[in-house]
N, C-alpha and C. Protein backbone atom coordinates (compact mmCIF):
# COMPACT_ATOMS: atom_id res chain seq x y z
N MET A 1 81.86 72.70 11.15
CA MET A 1 82.29 74.09 11.14
C MET A 1 82.55 74.59 12.56
N ASP A 2 81.77 74.15 13.56
CA ASP A 2 82.02 74.58 14.93
C ASP A 2 83.43 74.22 15.36
N THR A 3 83.90 73.04 14.95
CA THR A 3 85.26 72.63 15.28
C THR A 3 86.26 73.59 14.67
N ASP A 4 86.02 74.04 13.44
CA ASP A 4 86.91 75.00 12.78
C ASP A 4 86.95 76.31 13.56
N LEU A 5 85.80 76.77 14.04
CA LEU A 5 85.76 78.01 14.81
C LEU A 5 86.52 77.85 16.13
N GLU A 6 86.40 76.69 16.74
CA GLU A 6 87.17 76.42 17.97
C GLU A 6 88.66 76.42 17.67
N LYS A 7 89.04 75.85 16.54
CA LYS A 7 90.46 75.83 16.14
C LYS A 7 90.95 77.25 15.85
N LEU A 8 90.13 78.05 15.17
CA LEU A 8 90.49 79.44 14.91
C LEU A 8 90.79 80.16 16.22
N SER A 9 89.92 79.99 17.19
CA SER A 9 90.13 80.61 18.50
C SER A 9 91.41 80.09 19.15
N GLU A 10 91.63 78.79 19.07
CA GLU A 10 92.84 78.19 19.63
C GLU A 10 94.10 78.76 18.97
N TYR A 11 94.12 78.81 17.65
CA TYR A 11 95.30 79.31 16.94
C TYR A 11 95.55 80.78 17.28
N ALA A 12 94.48 81.59 17.28
CA ALA A 12 94.63 83.02 17.52
C ALA A 12 95.09 83.32 18.95
N ASN A 13 94.81 82.42 19.87
CA ASN A 13 95.23 82.61 21.26
C ASN A 13 96.62 82.06 21.55
N ASN A 14 97.23 81.40 20.58
CA ASN A 14 98.60 80.91 20.73
C ASN A 14 99.55 82.10 20.59
N ASP A 15 100.35 82.36 21.61
CA ASP A 15 101.24 83.52 21.59
C ASP A 15 102.21 83.50 20.41
N LYS A 16 102.63 82.30 19.98
CA LYS A 16 103.57 82.22 18.86
C LYS A 16 102.90 82.60 17.54
N VAL A 17 101.58 82.47 17.48
CA VAL A 17 100.82 82.91 16.31
C VAL A 17 100.44 84.38 16.46
N SER A 18 99.85 84.73 17.59
CA SER A 18 99.30 86.08 17.76
C SER A 18 100.36 87.18 17.74
N VAL A 19 101.60 86.85 18.09
CA VAL A 19 102.66 87.87 18.05
C VAL A 19 102.86 88.40 16.63
N ASN A 20 102.45 87.62 15.63
CA ASN A 20 102.60 88.02 14.23
C ASN A 20 101.34 88.62 13.63
N LEU A 21 100.28 88.73 14.42
CA LEU A 21 99.01 89.27 13.93
C LEU A 21 98.87 90.73 14.34
N ARG A 22 98.14 91.47 13.56
CA ARG A 22 97.84 92.86 13.93
C ARG A 22 96.97 92.88 15.18
N ASP A 23 97.02 93.98 15.89
CA ASP A 23 96.27 94.10 17.14
C ASP A 23 94.76 94.15 16.92
N ALA A 24 94.31 94.33 15.69
CA ALA A 24 92.87 94.28 15.41
C ALA A 24 92.32 92.89 15.72
N PHE A 25 93.19 91.89 15.70
CA PHE A 25 92.81 90.54 16.12
C PHE A 25 92.69 90.58 17.64
N PRO A 26 91.49 90.39 18.21
CA PRO A 26 91.33 90.51 19.66
C PRO A 26 92.17 89.48 20.42
N LYS A 27 92.55 89.85 21.62
CA LYS A 27 93.27 88.92 22.50
C LYS A 27 92.72 89.13 23.89
N PRO A 28 92.12 88.16 24.53
CA PRO A 28 91.93 86.80 24.00
C PRO A 28 90.91 86.78 22.86
N TYR A 29 91.06 85.77 22.01
CA TYR A 29 90.18 85.58 20.86
C TYR A 29 89.15 84.52 21.25
N THR A 30 87.91 84.97 21.43
CA THR A 30 86.86 84.08 21.94
C THR A 30 86.15 83.35 20.80
N LEU A 31 85.36 82.37 21.17
CA LEU A 31 84.52 81.68 20.19
C LEU A 31 83.55 82.66 19.55
N SER A 32 83.06 83.62 20.33
CA SER A 32 82.18 84.65 19.78
C SER A 32 82.91 85.50 18.73
N ASP A 33 84.18 85.81 18.97
CA ASP A 33 84.98 86.52 17.96
C ASP A 33 85.07 85.70 16.68
N ALA A 34 85.29 84.40 16.82
CA ALA A 34 85.38 83.51 15.66
C ALA A 34 84.05 83.46 14.90
N GLU A 35 82.95 83.41 15.63
CA GLU A 35 81.63 83.39 14.99
C GLU A 35 81.37 84.69 14.23
N ASN A 36 81.75 85.82 14.83
CA ASN A 36 81.58 87.12 14.16
C ASN A 36 82.46 87.21 12.91
N PHE A 37 83.67 86.68 12.99
CA PHE A 37 84.56 86.65 11.84
C PHE A 37 83.93 85.83 10.71
N LYS A 38 83.36 84.67 11.05
CA LYS A 38 82.72 83.82 10.05
C LYS A 38 81.54 84.55 9.38
N LYS A 39 80.75 85.26 10.16
CA LYS A 39 79.63 86.03 9.59
C LYS A 39 80.14 87.08 8.60
N MET A 40 81.25 87.73 8.97
CA MET A 40 81.82 88.76 8.10
C MET A 40 82.29 88.15 6.79
N ILE A 41 83.01 87.03 6.86
CA ILE A 41 83.52 86.45 5.62
C ILE A 41 82.40 85.83 4.79
N ASP A 42 81.36 85.33 5.44
CA ASP A 42 80.23 84.77 4.70
C ASP A 42 79.48 85.84 3.90
N SER A 43 79.56 87.09 4.35
CA SER A 43 78.83 88.17 3.68
C SER A 43 79.67 88.85 2.60
N GLN A 44 80.90 88.46 2.43
CA GLN A 44 81.78 89.09 1.44
C GLN A 44 81.34 88.83 0.00
N ASN A 45 81.54 89.85 -0.84
CA ASN A 45 81.34 89.69 -2.27
C ASN A 45 82.26 90.68 -2.98
N PRO A 46 83.29 90.26 -3.65
CA PRO A 46 83.68 88.86 -3.82
C PRO A 46 84.34 88.31 -2.57
N LYS A 47 84.32 87.01 -2.47
CA LYS A 47 84.95 86.33 -1.34
C LYS A 47 86.46 86.43 -1.49
N THR A 48 87.11 86.94 -0.46
CA THR A 48 88.57 87.09 -0.50
C THR A 48 89.24 86.60 0.79
N PHE A 49 88.47 86.06 1.72
CA PHE A 49 88.99 85.42 2.93
C PHE A 49 88.71 83.93 2.82
N PHE A 50 89.72 83.12 3.07
CA PHE A 50 89.56 81.67 2.91
C PHE A 50 90.18 80.91 4.07
N ALA A 51 89.57 79.78 4.37
CA ALA A 51 90.19 78.84 5.30
C ALA A 51 91.28 78.09 4.55
N ILE A 52 92.32 77.72 5.28
CA ILE A 52 93.38 76.87 4.73
C ILE A 52 93.17 75.48 5.30
N GLU A 53 93.11 74.50 4.42
CA GLU A 53 92.89 73.11 4.84
C GLU A 53 94.12 72.28 4.49
N TYR A 54 94.46 71.37 5.39
CA TYR A 54 95.59 70.46 5.17
C TYR A 54 95.19 69.09 5.69
N GLN A 55 95.23 68.11 4.82
CA GLN A 55 94.85 66.74 5.17
C GLN A 55 93.50 66.68 5.89
N GLY A 56 92.55 67.46 5.36
CA GLY A 56 91.19 67.46 5.89
C GLY A 56 90.98 68.29 7.14
N ASN A 57 92.01 68.98 7.61
CA ASN A 57 91.90 69.78 8.83
C ASN A 57 92.00 71.27 8.52
N TYR A 58 91.21 72.05 9.25
CA TYR A 58 91.35 73.50 9.19
C TYR A 58 92.65 73.87 9.90
N VAL A 59 93.54 74.61 9.20
CA VAL A 59 94.85 74.93 9.79
C VAL A 59 95.15 76.42 9.83
N GLY A 60 94.31 77.26 9.23
CA GLY A 60 94.57 78.70 9.26
C GLY A 60 93.70 79.44 8.27
N ASN A 61 94.06 80.70 8.03
CA ASN A 61 93.31 81.55 7.13
C ASN A 61 94.25 82.30 6.21
N ILE A 62 93.71 82.71 5.07
CA ILE A 62 94.45 83.55 4.13
C ILE A 62 93.46 84.49 3.47
N SER A 63 93.92 85.69 3.14
CA SER A 63 93.00 86.66 2.54
C SER A 63 93.72 87.62 1.61
N LEU A 64 92.94 88.20 0.74
CA LEU A 64 93.36 89.35 -0.06
C LEU A 64 92.40 90.48 0.27
N SER A 65 92.92 91.61 0.68
CA SER A 65 92.10 92.80 0.92
C SER A 65 92.32 93.75 -0.25
N ILE A 66 91.30 93.85 -1.08
CA ILE A 66 91.40 94.65 -2.30
C ILE A 66 91.38 96.13 -1.94
N GLY A 67 92.28 96.88 -2.56
CA GLY A 67 92.36 98.32 -2.32
C GLY A 67 91.15 99.05 -2.88
N GLU A 68 91.00 100.29 -2.46
CA GLU A 68 89.90 101.12 -2.91
C GLU A 68 90.43 102.32 -3.69
N ASP A 69 89.52 102.98 -4.38
CA ASP A 69 89.83 104.20 -5.11
C ASP A 69 90.96 103.94 -6.10
N VAL A 70 92.02 104.69 -6.07
CA VAL A 70 93.11 104.52 -7.04
C VAL A 70 93.93 103.27 -6.78
N TYR A 71 93.67 102.59 -5.66
CA TYR A 71 94.38 101.35 -5.31
C TYR A 71 93.57 100.10 -5.65
N LYS A 72 92.53 100.25 -6.47
CA LYS A 72 91.60 99.15 -6.74
C LYS A 72 92.21 97.98 -7.49
N LYS A 73 93.39 98.13 -8.07
CA LYS A 73 94.06 97.02 -8.76
C LYS A 73 95.18 96.41 -7.91
N SER A 74 95.22 96.81 -6.64
CA SER A 74 96.18 96.26 -5.68
C SER A 74 95.42 95.56 -4.57
N ALA A 75 96.09 94.64 -3.91
CA ALA A 75 95.49 93.94 -2.77
C ALA A 75 96.58 93.65 -1.75
N GLU A 76 96.17 93.59 -0.50
CA GLU A 76 97.09 93.20 0.57
C GLU A 76 96.80 91.75 0.95
N ILE A 77 97.85 90.95 1.02
CA ILE A 77 97.71 89.56 1.43
C ILE A 77 97.98 89.45 2.92
N GLY A 78 97.22 88.58 3.57
CA GLY A 78 97.44 88.28 4.98
C GLY A 78 97.14 86.81 5.22
N TYR A 79 97.84 86.22 6.17
CA TYR A 79 97.64 84.79 6.43
C TYR A 79 98.22 84.40 7.77
N PHE A 80 97.72 83.31 8.30
CA PHE A 80 98.36 82.67 9.46
C PHE A 80 98.05 81.19 9.44
N ILE A 81 98.93 80.44 10.07
CA ILE A 81 98.81 78.97 10.16
C ILE A 81 98.95 78.60 11.64
N GLY A 82 98.14 77.64 12.10
CA GLY A 82 98.29 77.13 13.46
C GLY A 82 99.68 76.54 13.66
N GLU A 83 100.25 76.74 14.85
CA GLU A 83 101.65 76.38 15.09
C GLU A 83 101.97 74.93 14.76
N GLN A 84 101.07 74.01 15.07
CA GLN A 84 101.38 72.59 14.83
C GLN A 84 101.51 72.25 13.35
N TYR A 85 101.13 73.20 12.48
CA TYR A 85 101.22 72.97 11.03
C TYR A 85 102.35 73.78 10.37
N TRP A 86 103.19 74.41 11.16
CA TRP A 86 104.31 75.17 10.61
C TRP A 86 105.34 74.22 9.99
N ASN A 87 106.10 74.74 9.07
CA ASN A 87 107.23 74.02 8.44
C ASN A 87 106.80 72.79 7.64
N LYS A 88 105.62 72.86 7.05
CA LYS A 88 105.13 71.78 6.21
C LYS A 88 104.87 72.26 4.78
N GLY A 89 105.22 73.50 4.48
CA GLY A 89 104.99 74.05 3.14
C GLY A 89 103.57 74.52 2.90
N ILE A 90 102.74 74.51 3.95
CA ILE A 90 101.33 74.87 3.79
C ILE A 90 101.17 76.35 3.44
N ALA A 91 101.86 77.21 4.16
CA ALA A 91 101.74 78.65 3.88
C ALA A 91 102.24 78.97 2.48
N THR A 92 103.33 78.35 2.07
CA THR A 92 103.87 78.58 0.73
C THR A 92 102.85 78.20 -0.33
N LYS A 93 102.22 77.06 -0.17
CA LYS A 93 101.21 76.61 -1.13
C LYS A 93 100.00 77.55 -1.13
N ALA A 94 99.55 77.94 0.07
CA ALA A 94 98.39 78.82 0.17
C ALA A 94 98.67 80.19 -0.45
N VAL A 95 99.85 80.75 -0.17
CA VAL A 95 100.21 82.05 -0.74
C VAL A 95 100.29 81.97 -2.26
N THR A 96 100.88 80.90 -2.77
CA THR A 96 100.96 80.71 -4.22
C THR A 96 99.57 80.65 -4.83
N LEU A 97 98.69 79.87 -4.23
CA LEU A 97 97.33 79.71 -4.77
C LEU A 97 96.55 81.01 -4.77
N ILE A 98 96.55 81.72 -3.64
CA ILE A 98 95.73 82.95 -3.58
C ILE A 98 96.33 84.06 -4.43
N THR A 99 97.66 84.07 -4.56
CA THR A 99 98.30 85.07 -5.42
C THR A 99 97.89 84.84 -6.87
N ASP A 100 98.00 83.61 -7.34
CA ASP A 100 97.58 83.29 -8.71
C ASP A 100 96.10 83.58 -8.91
N TRP A 101 95.29 83.22 -7.92
CA TRP A 101 93.85 83.45 -8.00
C TRP A 101 93.55 84.95 -8.08
N GLY A 102 94.21 85.74 -7.25
CA GLY A 102 93.99 87.19 -7.28
C GLY A 102 94.36 87.81 -8.61
N PHE A 103 95.49 87.39 -9.16
CA PHE A 103 95.92 87.92 -10.46
C PHE A 103 94.99 87.48 -11.58
N ASN A 104 94.56 86.23 -11.56
CA ASN A 104 93.80 85.66 -12.68
C ASN A 104 92.30 85.84 -12.59
N ASN A 105 91.76 86.09 -11.40
CA ASN A 105 90.30 86.16 -11.24
C ASN A 105 89.78 87.51 -10.76
N LEU A 106 90.62 88.29 -10.12
CA LEU A 106 90.16 89.56 -9.56
C LEU A 106 90.68 90.78 -10.33
N GLY A 107 91.54 90.54 -11.32
CA GLY A 107 92.09 91.65 -12.08
C GLY A 107 93.13 92.45 -11.30
N ILE A 108 93.64 91.87 -10.24
CA ILE A 108 94.67 92.52 -9.43
C ILE A 108 95.98 92.50 -10.20
N VAL A 109 96.76 93.58 -10.10
CA VAL A 109 98.07 93.60 -10.76
C VAL A 109 99.23 93.69 -9.76
N ARG A 110 98.91 93.97 -8.49
CA ARG A 110 99.94 94.07 -7.46
C ARG A 110 99.38 93.54 -6.15
N ILE A 111 100.12 92.64 -5.52
CA ILE A 111 99.75 92.12 -4.20
C ILE A 111 100.92 92.43 -3.27
N HIS A 112 100.59 92.98 -2.12
CA HIS A 112 101.63 93.43 -1.19
C HIS A 112 101.28 93.06 0.25
N THR A 113 102.25 93.19 1.12
CA THR A 113 102.03 92.97 2.55
C THR A 113 103.16 93.58 3.34
N GLY A 114 102.92 93.74 4.62
CA GLY A 114 103.96 94.18 5.55
C GLY A 114 104.16 93.11 6.61
N ILE A 115 105.40 92.74 6.83
CA ILE A 115 105.75 91.67 7.78
C ILE A 115 106.54 92.28 8.92
N PHE A 116 106.24 91.88 10.14
CA PHE A 116 107.02 92.34 11.29
C PHE A 116 108.44 91.80 11.15
N GLU A 117 109.42 92.60 11.48
CA GLU A 117 110.83 92.24 11.24
C GLU A 117 111.23 90.91 11.84
N PHE A 118 110.62 90.50 12.93
CA PHE A 118 111.02 89.26 13.61
C PHE A 118 110.37 88.02 13.00
N ASN A 119 109.44 88.20 12.06
CA ASN A 119 108.75 87.06 11.46
C ASN A 119 109.52 86.57 10.22
N LYS A 120 110.66 85.96 10.49
CA LYS A 120 111.54 85.49 9.41
C LYS A 120 110.88 84.39 8.57
N SER A 121 110.07 83.55 9.20
CA SER A 121 109.41 82.46 8.47
C SER A 121 108.49 83.01 7.39
N SER A 122 107.72 84.02 7.72
CA SER A 122 106.81 84.59 6.73
C SER A 122 107.59 85.30 5.62
N GLN A 123 108.70 85.91 5.97
CA GLN A 123 109.54 86.53 4.93
C GLN A 123 110.04 85.46 3.95
N ARG A 124 110.44 84.30 4.48
CA ARG A 124 110.90 83.21 3.60
C ARG A 124 109.77 82.70 2.72
N VAL A 125 108.57 82.57 3.29
CA VAL A 125 107.42 82.12 2.50
C VAL A 125 107.21 83.05 1.31
N LEU A 126 107.17 84.34 1.56
CA LEU A 126 106.93 85.30 0.48
C LEU A 126 108.02 85.24 -0.58
N GLU A 127 109.26 85.14 -0.14
CA GLU A 127 110.36 85.06 -1.10
C GLU A 127 110.28 83.80 -1.95
N LYS A 128 109.90 82.67 -1.33
CA LYS A 128 109.73 81.43 -2.09
C LYS A 128 108.62 81.57 -3.13
N CYS A 129 107.64 82.42 -2.84
CA CYS A 129 106.49 82.61 -3.73
C CYS A 129 106.73 83.72 -4.75
N GLY A 130 107.94 84.22 -4.83
CA GLY A 130 108.26 85.22 -5.84
C GLY A 130 107.99 86.66 -5.46
N TYR A 131 107.68 86.91 -4.20
CA TYR A 131 107.50 88.29 -3.73
C TYR A 131 108.88 88.93 -3.56
N THR A 132 108.93 90.23 -3.80
CA THR A 132 110.17 90.99 -3.70
C THR A 132 110.11 91.92 -2.49
N LYS A 133 111.19 91.97 -1.75
CA LYS A 133 111.29 92.92 -0.65
C LYS A 133 111.42 94.31 -1.26
N GLU A 134 110.45 95.17 -0.99
CA GLU A 134 110.44 96.51 -1.58
C GLU A 134 111.00 97.59 -0.66
N ALA A 135 110.79 97.41 0.64
CA ALA A 135 111.19 98.49 1.55
C ALA A 135 111.22 97.97 2.98
N ILE A 136 111.92 98.71 3.80
CA ILE A 136 111.88 98.52 5.24
C ILE A 136 111.37 99.83 5.82
N PHE A 137 110.22 99.76 6.50
CA PHE A 137 109.68 100.93 7.17
C PHE A 137 110.22 100.91 8.59
N LYS A 138 111.19 101.73 8.85
CA LYS A 138 111.88 101.73 10.14
C LYS A 138 110.95 102.14 11.27
N LYS A 139 110.98 101.35 12.32
CA LYS A 139 110.28 101.65 13.57
C LYS A 139 108.82 102.05 13.34
N SER A 140 108.13 101.31 12.49
CA SER A 140 106.75 101.65 12.14
C SER A 140 105.72 100.76 12.83
N ILE A 141 106.16 99.71 13.51
CA ILE A 141 105.26 98.76 14.16
C ILE A 141 105.40 98.88 15.67
N CYS A 142 104.28 98.95 16.36
CA CYS A 142 104.28 98.86 17.83
C CYS A 142 103.48 97.63 18.20
N LYS A 143 104.16 96.60 18.65
CA LYS A 143 103.52 95.33 19.01
C LYS A 143 103.96 94.98 20.42
N ASN A 144 103.00 94.74 21.30
CA ASN A 144 103.29 94.41 22.70
C ASN A 144 104.22 95.43 23.34
N ASN A 145 103.95 96.70 23.05
CA ASN A 145 104.69 97.83 23.60
C ASN A 145 106.16 97.87 23.19
N GLU A 146 106.50 97.19 22.11
CA GLU A 146 107.86 97.23 21.56
C GLU A 146 107.77 97.81 20.14
N ILE A 147 108.81 98.48 19.71
CA ILE A 147 108.85 99.10 18.39
C ILE A 147 109.70 98.24 17.45
N TYR A 148 109.16 97.99 16.26
CA TYR A 148 109.83 97.13 15.27
C TYR A 148 109.76 97.76 13.89
N ASP A 149 110.63 97.28 13.02
CA ASP A 149 110.56 97.63 11.60
C ASP A 149 109.50 96.76 10.93
N GLU A 150 108.95 97.28 9.84
CA GLU A 150 108.05 96.51 8.99
C GLU A 150 108.76 96.27 7.66
N ILE A 151 108.77 95.02 7.23
CA ILE A 151 109.38 94.65 5.95
C ILE A 151 108.25 94.56 4.93
N ARG A 152 108.33 95.36 3.87
CA ARG A 152 107.28 95.41 2.85
C ARG A 152 107.67 94.54 1.66
N TYR A 153 106.76 93.66 1.29
CA TYR A 153 106.94 92.76 0.15
C TYR A 153 105.82 92.99 -0.85
N ALA A 154 106.10 92.73 -2.13
CA ALA A 154 105.07 92.81 -3.16
C ALA A 154 105.42 91.88 -4.30
N LYS A 155 104.37 91.51 -5.02
CA LYS A 155 104.53 90.75 -6.26
C LYS A 155 103.66 91.43 -7.30
N ILE A 156 104.23 91.60 -8.49
CA ILE A 156 103.54 92.26 -9.60
C ILE A 156 103.20 91.20 -10.64
N LYS A 157 101.99 91.31 -11.20
CA LYS A 157 101.56 90.35 -12.23
C LYS A 157 102.42 90.49 -13.46
């Protein structure tokens, strides 16, 4: 597991990965940050954050954040993959699995996410998994002091 935490820190510190993450992800992302993240996910009930494994290696994370109050039947999906594992179909498989799991085990009826306009790869992943582009939120993202559109996707059970 220590190796996985080191990999998490490595992936999160890769600029090609971190440019697509929300700023809540610290930069630099230290081993201590990874350890705190692991403690948080270990305490979850139900568990909705998962490691993504490929050929026996930790390659990224995926999660469903279940809504609260009147949004309790919706969830937001989030994920990232280490750069060396891009373009292997891993994200597509992981998104498919967690989407099906959320619909079939958590009683979720809608899964949604917002993608930064420049993250074309993630947009393709979602479309391959049956997500529909619902909206473009113009100039709603500020990342690295630049303003971008957010592309909103969702899938309904």
